C-alpha atoms as a PDB file:
ATOM      1  CA  MET A   1       9.116  11.494 -23.312  1.00  0.00           C
ATOM      2  CA  ASN A   2       7.108  14.373 -24.645  1.00  0.00           C
ATOM      3  CA  SER A   3       7.052  17.738 -22.906  1.00  0.00           C
ATOM      4  CA  LYS A   4       3.653  17.081 -21.304  1.00  0.00           C
ATOM      5  CA  THR A   5       4.524  13.888 -19.403  1.00  0.00           C
ATOM      6  CA  LYS A   6       6.888  13.180 -16.565  1.00  0.00           C
ATOM      7  CA  THR A   7       7.032   9.420 -17.155  1.00  0.00           C
ATOM      8  CA  GLN A   8       8.159   7.384 -20.121  1.00  0.00           C
ATOM      9  CA  ASP A   9       5.754   4.946 -21.751  1.00  0.00           C
ATOM     10  CA  LEU A  10       6.718   1.486 -20.435  1.00  0.00           C
ATOM     11  CA  ALA A  11       7.181   0.208 -23.990  1.00  0.00           C
ATOM     12  CA  LYS A  12       9.866   2.865 -24.508  1.00  0.00           C
ATOM     13  CA  ALA A  13      11.286   3.022 -20.963  1.00  0.00           C
ATOM     14  CA  LEU A  14      14.907   2.217 -20.171  1.00  0.00           C
ATOM     15  CA  ASN A  15      15.484  -1.508 -19.827  1.00  0.00           C
ATOM     16  CA  THR A  16      18.698  -1.287 -17.793  1.00  0.00           C
ATOM     17  CA  PRO A  17      18.479  -0.548 -14.075  1.00  0.00           C
ATOM     18  CA  ASP A  18      19.925   2.466 -12.343  1.00  0.00           C
ATOM     19  CA  ILE A  19      21.202   1.641  -8.878  1.00  0.00           C
ATOM     20  CA  LEU A  20      20.555   4.496  -6.484  1.00  0.00           C
ATOM     21  CA  ASP A  21      21.753   4.928  -2.915  1.00  0.00           C
ATOM     22  CA  ILE A  22      19.278   7.173  -1.078  1.00  0.00           C
ATOM     23  CA  LYS A  23      20.213   8.465   2.376  1.00  0.00           C
ATOM     24  CA  PHE A  24      17.567   9.508   4.883  1.00  0.00           C
ATOM     25  CA  LYS A  25      17.815  11.571   8.035  1.00  0.00           C
ATOM     26  CA  LYS A  26      14.830  11.437  10.402  1.00  0.00           C
ATOM     27  CA  GLY A  27      12.665  10.074   7.580  1.00  0.00           C
ATOM     28  CA  VAL A  28      13.590  12.784   5.052  1.00  0.00           C
ATOM     29  CA  SER A  29      15.694  12.045   1.987  1.00  0.00           C
ATOM     30  CA  VAL A  30      18.892  14.086   2.172  1.00  0.00           C
ATOM     31  CA  LYS A  31      21.215  12.583  -0.452  1.00  0.00           C
ATOM     32  CA  VAL A  32      21.011  10.392  -3.546  1.00  0.00           C
ATOM     33  CA  THR A  33      23.954   8.826  -5.331  1.00  0.00           C
ATOM     34  CA  ASN A  34      23.826   6.969  -8.640  1.00  0.00           C
ATOM     35  CA  VAL A  35      26.081   3.989  -7.935  1.00  0.00           C
ATOM     36  CA  LYS A  36      26.875   3.434 -11.644  1.00  0.00           C
ATOM     37  CA  ASP A  37      28.220   6.891 -12.473  1.00  0.00           C
ATOM     38  CA  GLY A  38      28.853   8.347  -9.008  1.00  0.00           C
ATOM     39  CA  THR A  39      26.687  11.459  -9.434  1.00  0.00           C
ATOM     40  CA  THR A  40      25.414  12.823  -6.128  1.00  0.00           C
ATOM     41  CA  HIS A  41      22.587  15.225  -5.353  1.00  0.00           C
ATOM     42  CA  GLN A  42      22.082  16.689  -1.878  1.00  0.00           C
ATOM     43  CA  THR A  43      19.851  19.742  -1.877  1.00  0.00           C
ATOM     44  CA  SER A  44      16.125  19.108  -1.731  1.00  0.00           C
ATOM     45  CA  LEU A  45      15.544  20.603  -5.171  1.00  0.00           C
ATOM     46  CA  GLU A  46      18.444  18.721  -6.827  1.00  0.00           C
ATOM     47  CA  LEU A  47      17.305  15.476  -5.225  1.00  0.00           C
ATOM     48  CA  PHE A  48      13.701  16.002  -6.319  1.00  0.00           C
ATOM     49  CA  LEU A  49      14.590  16.895  -9.902  1.00  0.00           C
ATOM     50  CA  TYR A  50      17.092  14.052 -10.279  1.00  0.00           C
ATOM     51  CA  LEU A  51      14.810  11.354  -8.843  1.00  0.00           C
ATOM     52  CA  ASN A  52      11.919  12.671 -10.944  1.00  0.00           C
ATOM     53  CA  GLU A  53      14.064  12.382 -14.080  1.00  0.00           C
ATOM     54  CA  VAL A  54      15.530   8.934 -13.341  1.00  0.00           C
ATOM     55  CA  ALA A  55      12.258   7.373 -12.167  1.00  0.00           C
ATOM     56  CA  GLY A  56      10.395   8.945 -15.087  1.00  0.00           C
ATOM     57  CA  GLU A  57      12.874   7.518 -17.622  1.00  0.00           C
ATOM     58  CA  HIS A  58      12.110   4.062 -16.215  1.00  0.00           C
ATOM     59  CA  GLY A  59       8.349   4.574 -16.455  1.00  0.00           C
ATOM     60  CA  MET A  60       7.809   4.755 -12.686  1.00  0.00           C
ATOM     61  CA  GLY A  61       5.021   6.780 -11.161  1.00  0.00           C
ATOM     62  CA  ARG A  62       2.235   6.785 -13.742  1.00  0.00           C
ATOM     63  CA  ILE A  63      -1.176   5.662 -12.543  1.00  0.00           C
ATOM     64  CA  ASP A  64      -4.545   5.531 -14.238  1.00  0.00           C
ATOM     65  CA  ILE A  65      -7.237   5.851 -11.577  1.00  0.00           C
ATOM     66  CA  VAL A  66     -10.970   5.926 -11.216  1.00  0.00           C
ATOM     67  CA  GLU A  67     -11.993   7.427  -7.925  1.00  0.00           C
ATOM     68  CA  ASN A  68     -15.256   7.755  -6.090  1.00  0.00           C
ATOM     69  CA  ARG A  69     -15.424  11.393  -5.076  1.00  0.00           C
ATOM     70  CA  PHE A  70     -16.786  12.423  -1.692  1.00  0.00           C
ATOM     71  CA  ASN A  71     -19.911  13.835  -3.335  1.00  0.00           C
ATOM     72  CA  GLY A  72     -20.660  10.495  -5.062  1.00  0.00           C
ATOM     73  CA  MET A  73     -19.344  11.353  -8.526  1.00  0.00           C
ATOM     74  CA  LYS A  74     -16.771   9.180 -10.220  1.00  0.00           C
ATOM     75  CA  SER A  75     -13.702  10.740 -11.739  1.00  0.00           C
ATOM     76  CA  ARG A  76     -11.033   9.242 -13.995  1.00  0.00           C
ATOM     77  CA  GLY A  77      -7.566  10.615 -14.337  1.00  0.00           C
ATOM     78  CA  ILE A  78      -3.945   9.869 -14.980  1.00  0.00           C
ATOM     79  CA  GLY A  79      -1.480  10.951 -12.350  1.00  0.00           C
ATOM     80  CA  GLU A  80       2.285  11.155 -12.629  1.00  0.00           C
ATOM     81  CA  ALA A  81       4.549  11.295  -9.598  1.00  0.00           C
ATOM     82  CA  PRO A  82       7.857   9.551 -10.337  1.00  0.00           C
ATOM     83  CA  VAL A  83       9.754  10.983  -7.371  1.00  0.00           C
ATOM     84  CA  GLY A  84       6.801  10.413  -5.047  1.00  0.00           C
ATOM     85  CA  THR A  85       6.598   6.786  -6.132  1.00  0.00           C
ATOM     86  CA  ILE A  86      10.281   6.060  -5.625  1.00  0.00           C
ATOM     87  CA  LEU A  87      10.383   7.714  -2.195  1.00  0.00           C
ATOM     88  CA  TYR A  88       7.113   6.081  -1.107  1.00  0.00           C
ATOM     89  CA  TYR A  89       8.381   2.581  -1.857  1.00  0.00           C
ATOM     90  CA  THR A  90      11.781   3.352  -0.333  1.00  0.00           C
ATOM     91  CA  HIS A  91      10.008   4.392   2.878  1.00  0.00           C
ATOM     92  CA  LEU A  92       7.966   1.173   2.845  1.00  0.00           C
ATOM     93  CA  ASP A  93      11.186  -0.834   2.693  1.00  0.00           C
ATOM     94  CA  ILE A  94      12.735   1.135   5.542  1.00  0.00           C
ATOM     95  CA  LYS A  95       9.638   0.596   7.698  1.00  0.00           C
ATOM     96  CA  ALA A  96       9.721  -3.141   6.956  1.00  0.00           C
ATOM     97  CA  PHE A  97      13.178  -3.315   8.524  1.00  0.00           C
ATOM     98  CA  THR A  98      12.706  -0.868  11.388  1.00  0.00           C
ATOM     99  CA  MET A  99       9.152  -1.339  12.701  1.00  0.00           C
ATOM    100  CA  TYR A 100       7.427  -4.267  14.342  1.00  0.00           C
ATOM    101  CA  GLY A 101       4.751  -5.779  12.113  1.00  0.00           C
ATOM    102  CA  ASP A 102       1.830  -4.889  14.394  1.00  0.00           C
ATOM    103  CA  VAL A 103       3.014  -1.296  14.785  1.00  0.00           C
ATOM    104  CA  ARG A 104       3.380  -0.979  11.003  1.00  0.00           C
ATOM    105  CA  LYS A 105      -0.183  -2.269  10.498  1.00  0.00           C
ATOM    106  CA  ILE A 106      -1.588   0.241  12.995  1.00  0.00           C
ATOM    107  CA  LYS A 107       0.375   3.076  11.364  1.00  0.00           C
ATOM    108  CA  GLN A 108      -0.905   2.065   7.909  1.00  0.00           C
ATOM    109  CA  SER A 109      -4.544   1.999   9.031  1.00  0.00           C
ATOM    110  CA  LEU A 110      -4.247   5.359  10.790  1.00  0.00           C
ATOM    111  CA  GLY A 111      -2.460   6.782   7.747  1.00  0.00           C
ATOM    112  CA  LEU A 112      -5.334   5.725   5.488  1.00  0.00           C
ATOM    113  CA  LYS A 113      -7.839   7.324   7.867  1.00  0.00           C
ATOM    114  CA  PHE A 114      -5.753  10.510   7.959  1.00  0.00           C
ATOM    115  CA  ALA A 115      -5.619  10.632   4.125  1.00  0.00           C
ATOM    116  CA  GLU A 116      -9.391  10.154   3.950  1.00  0.00           C
ATOM    117  CA  LEU A 117      -9.940  13.022   6.390  1.00  0.00           C
ATOM    118  CA  MET A 118      -7.647  15.281   4.346  1.00  0.00           C
ATOM    119  CA  TYR A 119      -9.364  14.361   1.075  1.00  0.00           C
ATOM    120  CA  THR A 120     -12.848  15.025   2.426  1.00  0.00           C
ATOM    121  CA  GLY A 121     -11.885  18.293   4.152  1.00  0.00           C
ATOM    122  CA  PHE A 122     -12.462  17.193   7.754  1.00  0.00           C
ATOM    123  CA  TRP A 123      -9.511  19.187   9.137  1.00  0.00           C
ATOM    124  CA  HIS A 124     -11.362  20.284  12.270  1.00  0.00           C
ATOM    125  CA  SER A 125     -13.034  16.995  13.172  1.00  0.00           C
ATOM    126  CA  LEU A 126     -12.419  14.961  16.316  1.00  0.00           C
ATOM    127  CA  GLU A 127     -11.083  12.131  14.147  1.00  0.00           C
ATOM    128  CA  TYR A 128      -8.475  14.475  12.663  1.00  0.00           C
ATOM    129  CA  GLU A 129      -7.366  15.544  16.131  1.00  0.00           C
ATOM    130  CA  ILE A 130      -6.880  11.876  17.062  1.00  0.00           C
ATOM    131  CA  CYS A 131      -4.813  11.128  13.916  1.00  0.00           C
ATOM    132  CA  LEU A 132      -2.792  14.363  14.052  1.00  0.00           C
ATOM    133  CA  PRO A 133       0.107  13.033  16.199  1.00  0.00           C
ATOM    134  CA  LEU A 134       1.023  10.644  13.374  1.00  0.00           C
END
């Protein structure tokens, strides 16, 4: 990886898996252990830096997006969030095992609405107040 990117190009990414055991407490990641070598990270900063490094080495977390901005303009960009990607998909798996399907669908739709309200700056709208308890 060069110094400007957080993720490895997929053509150059590691081809052998790392097996990670991530522990959560009340929905927050509190510990990660690499099963292969036994390294453990427990503080928020250590966990963030380690997951960012490992996921980035495997090419996780790079997206190329074109978005329709709120004002009608289109914008293209490349985003990198290796640790965000790994924790997002880990949370999806946890929800698949712990939530009823209908509840998960409702939560997903309200979450999308909440994200839209944040993106467009509607923090003081009635819709935001309704979504806030999520």
